[in-house]
């Protein structure tokens, strides 16, 4: 099936999508994005993802030219054109094309790009065994709640994790856990699930919100608060949440086992509840 591209209201084969060199997304990383996946061909939590795209755009003073219903229609049209069994949709909006100058241009139109590719699910074996993670200093900027295209610190952390054989990098800021390079981080100690609170230090994931709601419904005590690196290292369970990882156990951290070294009870419960919630 073809990979589908979308540029400023027009669909085309992905390889035909071209953006000018003076686009501010390329020159400054002046843009925001979202990633949406499908289950059985249906976009998951589409309205929540598009609402976050709107919040990110508002936070950088970027007016989106399409309303929620129009975005929904474009996403569904792209999925139909791609006709993959399961798809991953990437939407990026930049401030547009203008001569290079740090200040916002007086007049320009946003550049809207969307790609629709086949989704390659995470290896099922990793869900059974869990993964390894490595802690790293959080050197990102102060507005991590904005889903900005400025991802160089995340890229560098993910690459370092890969080089040492870890699946994910877990960021630490002033001795506190923030989030992963591509995920949110949940820590279980005793009967309590802890995770960093919403705010400027983390990108609050759509899957994060779903999983926390499922945890509360299941009777798990949830604390959205600052979690120390000491609490992380002494945790009974650690798991990641995200659009592509869903609910994924971390069984080794910086080379040492987490808890029993196998996916724990709370992780298993919430993974099962998450899968069941998909219908």
Foldseek 3Di string as FASTA:
>chain_A
DFKWKDKPHDIDGPVPDDADCQFCCNVPLAKFKFKWKDDQLHTDPLVVRVVLRCVLCVVSPHDDPDDSVVVVVVVSVNSVVVVARMKMKMKMKGNAGDPDDPDRDPDHHIIIMMIIDHDDADDPVCQFQFWAEEEDEDPDDQQQQRRTSPLVVLVVQCVVCVVVRGRWYFYDYPQWTQAISAWFKWFAADQEIEGAADDRRHHCAPLNVVLVVVCVVVVGHYDHHTDGVVSRQQTLWMWTDHNRCHTTTHQHYPRHGRNVSGHDDSSVVSSVVSVVVVD
